[in-house]
């Protein structure tokens, strides 16, 4: 999967709108749109991509959260 595909899949899994996701990641809505469209010229560094995914992953519920533990 590409970064664009993973990012969009995670955003949808978290039920975040593009503006809400962009705010959570600390980027503009337009930047998020470029990222999801796979327009690499607007993705400055791989580390920024990895940081964005890490921030989204940290918001995903854990197994314990889902099981009420």
Protein backbone atom coordinates (compact mmCIF):
# COMPACT_ATOMS: atom_id res chain seq x y z
CA UNK A 1 0.00 0.00 0.00
CA UNK A 2 1.12 3.53 -0.64
CA UNK A 3 1.35 6.23 1.99
CA UNK A 4 -1.73 7.87 0.42
CA UNK A 5 -3.79 4.67 0.69
CA UNK A 6 -2.72 3.97 4.27
CA UNK A 7 -3.39 7.53 5.38
CA UNK A 8 -6.88 7.63 3.88
CA UNK A 9 -7.75 4.17 5.23
CA UNK A 10 -6.66 5.16 8.74
CA UNK A 11 -8.54 8.48 8.58
CA UNK A 12 -11.72 6.70 7.54
CA UNK A 13 -11.25 4.00 10.18
CA UNK A 14 -11.04 6.75 12.80
CA UNK A 15 -14.10 8.44 11.27
CA UNK A 16 -12.25 11.72 10.89
CA UNK A 17 -13.09 14.33 8.30
CA UNK A 18 -10.20 15.71 6.28
CA UNK A 19 -10.23 19.00 8.24
CA UNK A 20 -10.29 17.16 11.59
CA UNK A 21 -7.53 14.78 10.54
CA UNK A 22 -5.40 17.64 9.21
CA UNK A 23 -5.80 19.52 12.49
CA UNK A 24 -4.85 16.39 14.43
CA UNK A 25 -1.72 15.99 12.30
CA UNK A 26 -0.79 19.67 12.44
CA UNK A 27 -1.01 20.23 8.68
CA UNK A 28 -3.40 22.18 6.48
CA UNK A 29 -6.48 20.57 5.01
CA UNK A 30 -5.01 21.13 1.55
CA UNK A 31 -1.78 19.33 2.50
CA UNK A 32 -3.80 16.36 3.69
CA UNK A 33 -5.72 16.38 0.42
CA UNK A 34 -2.45 16.35 -1.53
CA UNK A 35 -1.14 13.50 0.59
CA UNK A 36 -4.29 11.42 0.10
CA UNK A 37 -4.14 12.11 -3.65
CA UNK A 38 -0.57 10.79 -3.70
CA UNK A 39 0.89 14.07 -4.92
CA UNK A 40 4.44 13.56 -3.69
CA UNK A 41 5.55 17.12 -4.45
CA UNK A 42 3.60 18.17 -1.38
CA UNK A 43 5.10 15.54 0.92
CA UNK A 44 8.31 17.16 2.10
CA UNK A 45 9.97 14.27 3.91
CA UNK A 46 9.46 10.59 4.62
CA UNK A 47 9.91 11.34 8.32
CA UNK A 48 6.93 13.70 8.22
CA UNK A 49 4.86 10.91 6.65
CA UNK A 50 5.96 8.44 9.31
CA UNK A 51 5.20 10.97 12.05
CA UNK A 52 1.72 11.54 10.63
CA UNK A 53 0.99 7.81 10.57
CA UNK A 54 2.36 7.40 14.09
CA UNK A 55 0.04 10.14 15.38
CA UNK A 56 -2.96 8.46 13.75
CA UNK A 57 -1.97 5.02 15.02
CA UNK A 58 -1.76 6.41 18.55
CA UNK A 59 -5.44 7.40 18.29
CA UNK A 60 -6.63 3.94 17.28
CA UNK A 61 -8.39 2.07 20.09
CA UNK A 62 -6.42 -0.79 21.58
CA UNK A 63 -7.79 -4.31 21.99
CA UNK A 64 -8.29 -3.58 25.70
CA UNK A 65 -10.28 -0.45 24.85
CA UNK A 66 -12.51 -2.42 22.51
CA UNK A 67 -13.08 -5.20 25.06
CA UNK A 68 -13.90 -2.77 27.86
CA UNK A 69 -10.88 -3.75 29.95
